[in-house]
Amino acid sequence: MDTKQPNQLNIELPEEIAEGIYSNLALINHSQSEFVVDFIRIMPNMPKAKVKSRIVLTPQHAKRLLLALRENVKKFEAVHGKISEPVQHNFPLNFTPNAQA
């Protein structure tokens, strides 16, 4: 007998992915059909930074992510207090991203 609920999705999280990757800069670009989010780690006193992960999303999924992040930040702040706004850094980049987070 199958005990799975209809429309239930099993999600597998491999061990190497479960560890996560630290990122302290995200650059977001988009075209008509997709959003590209590059997660970057910038280290102090290092002239170079590497993209650690790139995620490509449809516009619909990008909007869902925006709404989910907004809701989760709201819940976090309700428990832990307001998140202070970071100091804006002007990194010398050789391209112009559409957005930075």
N, C-alpha and C. Protein backbone atom coordinates (compact mmCIF):
# COMPACT_ATOMS: atom_id res chain seq x y z
N MET A 1 0.83 -1.18 0.00
CA MET A 1 0.00 0.00 0.00
C MET A 1 0.88 1.25 0.00
N ASP A 2 0.64 2.17 -0.92
CA ASP A 2 1.41 3.41 -1.02
C ASP A 2 0.85 4.44 -0.06
N THR A 3 1.70 4.92 0.86
CA THR A 3 1.25 5.89 1.86
C THR A 3 1.50 7.33 1.43
N LYS A 4 2.04 7.53 0.23
CA LYS A 4 2.30 8.90 -0.24
C LYS A 4 0.99 9.62 -0.55
N GLN A 5 0.95 10.87 -0.18
CA GLN A 5 -0.20 11.71 -0.50
C GLN A 5 -0.15 12.05 -1.99
N PRO A 6 -1.31 12.25 -2.63
CA PRO A 6 -1.28 12.70 -4.02
C PRO A 6 -0.60 14.07 -4.10
N ASN A 7 0.15 14.28 -5.15
CA ASN A 7 0.87 15.54 -5.37
C ASN A 7 1.99 15.78 -4.37
N GLN A 8 2.41 14.74 -3.61
CA GLN A 8 3.52 14.89 -2.68
C GLN A 8 4.82 14.78 -3.46
N LEU A 9 5.77 15.62 -3.11
CA LEU A 9 7.05 15.65 -3.80
C LEU A 9 8.15 15.25 -2.83
N ASN A 10 8.90 14.22 -3.18
CA ASN A 10 10.07 13.84 -2.39
C ASN A 10 11.25 14.65 -2.87
N ILE A 11 11.90 15.36 -1.96
CA ILE A 11 13.07 16.16 -2.32
C ILE A 11 14.29 15.55 -1.66
N GLU A 12 15.28 15.25 -2.47
CA GLU A 12 16.52 14.67 -1.97
C GLU A 12 17.55 15.77 -1.81
N LEU A 13 18.25 15.78 -0.67
CA LEU A 13 19.29 16.77 -0.40
C LEU A 13 20.62 16.04 -0.23
N PRO A 14 21.42 15.99 -1.31
CA PRO A 14 22.72 15.30 -1.21
C PRO A 14 23.61 15.97 -0.15
N GLU A 15 24.44 15.17 0.48
CA GLU A 15 25.29 15.65 1.58
C GLU A 15 26.16 16.83 1.16
N GLU A 16 26.75 16.78 -0.03
CA GLU A 16 27.64 17.87 -0.46
C GLU A 16 26.88 19.17 -0.70
N ILE A 17 25.60 19.10 -1.02
CA ILE A 17 24.78 20.29 -1.18
C ILE A 17 24.27 20.78 0.17
N ALA A 18 23.99 19.85 1.07
CA ALA A 18 23.45 20.18 2.39
C ALA A 18 24.41 21.07 3.19
N GLU A 19 25.68 20.98 2.93
CA GLU A 19 26.66 21.81 3.63
C GLU A 19 26.48 23.29 3.31
N GLY A 20 25.97 23.59 2.15
CA GLY A 20 25.77 24.98 1.75
C GLY A 20 27.06 25.63 1.28
N ILE A 21 26.92 26.79 0.68
CA ILE A 21 28.06 27.58 0.22
C ILE A 21 27.86 28.99 0.74
N TYR A 22 28.87 29.54 1.40
CA TYR A 22 28.78 30.89 1.94
C TYR A 22 28.90 31.91 0.81
N SER A 23 28.03 32.90 0.85
CA SER A 23 28.06 33.99 -0.12
C SER A 23 27.74 35.29 0.61
N ASN A 24 28.48 36.35 0.28
CA ASN A 24 28.19 37.65 0.87
C ASN A 24 27.91 38.72 -0.18
N LEU A 25 27.64 38.28 -1.39
CA LEU A 25 27.23 39.18 -2.47
C LEU A 25 26.43 38.38 -3.49
N ALA A 26 25.35 38.95 -3.95
CA ALA A 26 24.57 38.33 -5.02
C ALA A 26 24.39 39.36 -6.13
N LEU A 27 24.67 38.96 -7.34
CA LEU A 27 24.45 39.82 -8.51
C LEU A 27 23.33 39.20 -9.32
N ILE A 28 22.38 40.04 -9.71
CA ILE A 28 21.20 39.55 -10.41
C ILE A 28 21.10 40.22 -11.77
N ASN A 29 20.98 39.40 -12.80
CA ASN A 29 20.76 39.89 -14.15
C ASN A 29 19.52 39.21 -14.69
N HIS A 30 18.91 39.80 -15.71
CA HIS A 30 17.74 39.15 -16.29
C HIS A 30 17.63 39.47 -17.77
N SER A 31 16.94 38.56 -18.44
CA SER A 31 16.56 38.76 -19.83
C SER A 31 15.04 38.67 -19.85
N GLN A 32 14.48 38.64 -21.01
CA GLN A 32 13.02 38.53 -21.13
C GLN A 32 12.51 37.19 -20.59
N SER A 33 13.36 36.16 -20.64
CA SER A 33 12.88 34.83 -20.29
C SER A 33 13.48 34.22 -19.03
N GLU A 34 14.49 34.87 -18.42
CA GLU A 34 15.10 34.27 -17.23
C GLU A 34 15.79 35.30 -16.35
N PHE A 35 15.92 34.93 -15.08
CA PHE A 35 16.71 35.67 -14.12
C PHE A 35 17.92 34.82 -13.78
N VAL A 36 19.08 35.44 -13.69
CA VAL A 36 20.30 34.74 -13.33
C VAL A 36 20.83 35.38 -12.06
N VAL A 37 20.99 34.55 -11.02
CA VAL A 37 21.50 35.03 -9.74
C VAL A 37 22.86 34.38 -9.51
N ASP A 38 23.90 35.21 -9.43
CA ASP A 38 25.25 34.74 -9.14
C ASP A 38 25.54 35.03 -7.67
N PHE A 39 25.89 33.98 -6.93
CA PHE A 39 26.25 34.11 -5.52
C PHE A 39 27.77 34.11 -5.44
N ILE A 40 28.31 35.15 -4.82
CA ILE A 40 29.75 35.42 -4.83
C ILE A 40 30.25 35.52 -3.40
N ARG A 41 31.50 35.09 -3.18
CA ARG A 41 32.13 35.26 -1.89
C ARG A 41 33.28 36.25 -2.06
N ILE A 42 33.17 37.38 -1.36
CA ILE A 42 34.23 38.39 -1.38
C ILE A 42 34.99 38.26 -0.06
N MET A 43 36.30 38.14 -0.14
CA MET A 43 37.12 38.02 1.05
C MET A 43 37.89 39.32 1.25
N PRO A 44 38.06 39.73 2.52
CA PRO A 44 38.79 40.98 2.80
C PRO A 44 40.20 40.96 2.22
N ASN A 45 40.62 42.09 1.71
CA ASN A 45 41.97 42.29 1.18
C ASN A 45 42.32 41.38 0.01
N MET A 46 41.31 40.88 -0.66
CA MET A 46 41.56 40.05 -1.83
C MET A 46 41.05 40.81 -3.06
N PRO A 47 41.88 40.96 -4.09
CA PRO A 47 41.47 41.75 -5.26
C PRO A 47 40.51 41.03 -6.19
N LYS A 48 40.27 39.75 -5.95
CA LYS A 48 39.45 38.94 -6.84
C LYS A 48 38.38 38.22 -6.03
N ALA A 49 37.21 38.05 -6.63
CA ALA A 49 36.12 37.30 -6.00
C ALA A 49 35.61 36.29 -7.01
N LYS A 50 35.15 35.14 -6.51
CA LYS A 50 34.66 34.09 -7.39
C LYS A 50 33.17 33.88 -7.22
N VAL A 51 32.52 33.60 -8.35
CA VAL A 51 31.13 33.16 -8.30
C VAL A 51 31.17 31.75 -7.73
N LYS A 52 30.44 31.53 -6.64
CA LYS A 52 30.41 30.23 -5.99
C LYS A 52 29.24 29.38 -6.47
N SER A 53 28.18 30.05 -6.93
CA SER A 53 27.02 29.33 -7.42
C SER A 53 26.21 30.25 -8.34
N ARG A 54 25.61 29.67 -9.35
CA ARG A 54 24.74 30.43 -10.26
C ARG A 54 23.41 29.70 -10.33
N ILE A 55 22.33 30.44 -10.12
CA ILE A 55 20.98 29.88 -10.20
C ILE A 55 20.24 30.62 -11.31
N VAL A 56 19.62 29.87 -12.20
CA VAL A 56 18.84 30.43 -13.30
C VAL A 56 17.37 30.12 -13.03
N LEU A 57 16.55 31.17 -13.04
CA LEU A 57 15.13 31.05 -12.71
C LEU A 57 14.26 31.62 -13.81
N THR A 58 13.06 31.08 -13.95
CA THR A 58 12.08 31.72 -14.82
C THR A 58 11.58 32.97 -14.11
N PRO A 59 11.01 33.94 -14.82
CA PRO A 59 10.46 35.11 -14.16
C PRO A 59 9.43 34.75 -13.08
N GLN A 60 8.62 33.74 -13.34
CA GLN A 60 7.61 33.32 -12.37
C GLN A 60 8.26 32.79 -11.09
N HIS A 61 9.30 31.99 -11.22
CA HIS A 61 9.98 31.47 -10.05
C HIS A 61 10.77 32.57 -9.32
N ALA A 62 11.29 33.53 -10.07
CA ALA A 62 11.98 34.65 -9.43
C ALA A 62 11.00 35.43 -8.54
N LYS A 63 9.79 35.62 -9.03
CA LYS A 63 8.78 36.33 -8.25
C LYS A 63 8.38 35.52 -7.02
N ARG A 64 8.23 34.21 -7.19
CA ARG A 64 7.92 33.35 -6.04
C ARG A 64 9.03 33.42 -4.99
N LEU A 65 10.28 33.44 -5.45
CA LEU A 65 11.41 33.55 -4.53
C LEU A 65 11.37 34.88 -3.79
N LEU A 66 11.09 35.96 -4.51
CA LEU A 66 10.97 37.28 -3.89
C LEU A 66 9.93 37.26 -2.78
N LEU A 67 8.76 36.71 -3.06
CA LEU A 67 7.67 36.67 -2.07
C LEU A 67 8.04 35.77 -0.89
N ALA A 68 8.68 34.64 -1.15
CA ALA A 68 9.09 33.73 -0.08
C ALA A 68 10.15 34.37 0.80
N LEU A 69 11.12 35.05 0.20
CA LEU A 69 12.15 35.75 0.99
C LEU A 69 11.53 36.86 1.83
N ARG A 70 10.61 37.62 1.24
CA ARG A 70 9.95 38.70 1.98
C ARG A 70 9.24 38.14 3.21
N GLU A 71 8.49 37.05 3.02
CA GLU A 71 7.75 36.43 4.12
C GLU A 71 8.69 35.89 5.20
N ASN A 72 9.79 35.27 4.78
CA ASN A 72 10.72 34.71 5.74
C ASN A 72 11.50 35.78 6.50
N VAL A 73 11.84 36.88 5.85
CA VAL A 73 12.49 38.00 6.55
C VAL A 73 11.54 38.58 7.58
N LYS A 74 10.29 38.71 7.20
CA LYS A 74 9.26 39.22 8.12
C LYS A 74 9.16 38.33 9.37
N LYS A 75 9.12 37.00 9.17
CA LYS A 75 9.06 36.06 10.29
C LYS A 75 10.32 36.13 11.14
N PHE A 76 11.48 36.22 10.50
CA PHE A 76 12.74 36.32 11.21
C PHE A 76 12.77 37.55 12.10
N GLU A 77 12.39 38.70 11.53
CA GLU A 77 12.41 39.96 12.28
C GLU A 77 11.40 39.94 13.42
N ALA A 78 10.30 39.24 13.28
CA ALA A 78 9.31 39.14 14.35
C ALA A 78 9.90 38.42 15.57
N VAL A 79 10.80 37.49 15.33
CA VAL A 79 11.41 36.73 16.41
C VAL A 79 12.71 37.37 16.90
N HIS A 80 13.55 37.85 15.98
CA HIS A 80 14.91 38.29 16.31
C HIS A 80 15.12 39.80 16.26
N GLY A 81 14.12 40.55 15.86
CA GLY A 81 14.28 42.00 15.74
C GLY A 81 14.67 42.39 14.32
N LYS A 82 14.58 43.69 14.07
CA LYS A 82 14.83 44.24 12.74
C LYS A 82 16.26 43.95 12.29
N ILE A 83 16.39 43.54 11.05
CA ILE A 83 17.70 43.34 10.44
C ILE A 83 18.21 44.70 10.00
N SER A 84 19.41 45.06 10.45
CA SER A 84 19.95 46.36 10.07
C SER A 84 20.35 46.34 8.60
N GLU A 85 20.18 47.47 7.95
CA GLU A 85 20.55 47.60 6.54
C GLU A 85 22.07 47.62 6.43
N PRO A 86 22.63 46.84 5.51
CA PRO A 86 24.09 46.82 5.36
C PRO A 86 24.60 48.12 4.75
N VAL A 87 25.84 48.41 5.02
CA VAL A 87 26.50 49.56 4.41
C VAL A 87 26.67 49.25 2.94
N GLN A 88 26.31 50.19 2.08
CA GLN A 88 26.44 49.98 0.64
C GLN A 88 27.90 50.05 0.24
N HIS A 89 28.39 49.02 -0.43
CA HIS A 89 29.76 48.98 -0.91
C HIS A 89 29.75 49.22 -2.41
N ASN A 90 30.74 49.92 -2.88
CA ASN A 90 30.89 50.11 -4.32
C ASN A 90 32.07 49.28 -4.77
N PHE A 91 31.79 48.07 -5.25
CA PHE A 91 32.84 47.18 -5.69
C PHE A 91 33.20 47.49 -7.12
N PRO A 92 34.49 47.55 -7.44
CA PRO A 92 34.88 47.79 -8.83
C PRO A 92 34.62 46.54 -9.65
N LEU A 93 33.55 46.55 -10.40
CA LEU A 93 33.20 45.43 -11.25
C LEU A 93 33.31 45.86 -12.70
N ASN A 94 33.69 44.92 -13.54
CA ASN A 94 33.85 45.28 -14.95
C ASN A 94 32.57 45.06 -15.76
N PHE A 95 31.43 44.95 -15.08
CA PHE A 95 30.16 44.85 -15.76
C PHE A 95 29.11 45.48 -14.86
N THR A 96 27.97 45.77 -15.41
CA THR A 96 26.92 46.41 -14.64
C THR A 96 25.77 45.43 -14.42
N PRO A 97 25.61 44.94 -13.18
CA PRO A 97 24.48 44.05 -12.91
C PRO A 97 23.18 44.84 -12.85
N ASN A 98 22.07 44.15 -13.01
CA ASN A 98 20.76 44.81 -12.91
C ASN A 98 20.40 45.08 -11.46
N ALA A 99 20.88 44.26 -10.55
CA ALA A 99 20.57 44.44 -9.13
C ALA A 99 21.64 43.77 -8.31
N GLN A 100 21.72 44.18 -7.07
CA GLN A 100 22.73 43.65 -6.16
C GLN A 100 22.09 43.44 -4.82
N ALA A 101 22.37 42.32 -4.16
CA ALA A 101 21.81 42.07 -2.85
C ALA A 101 22.85 41.50 -1.93
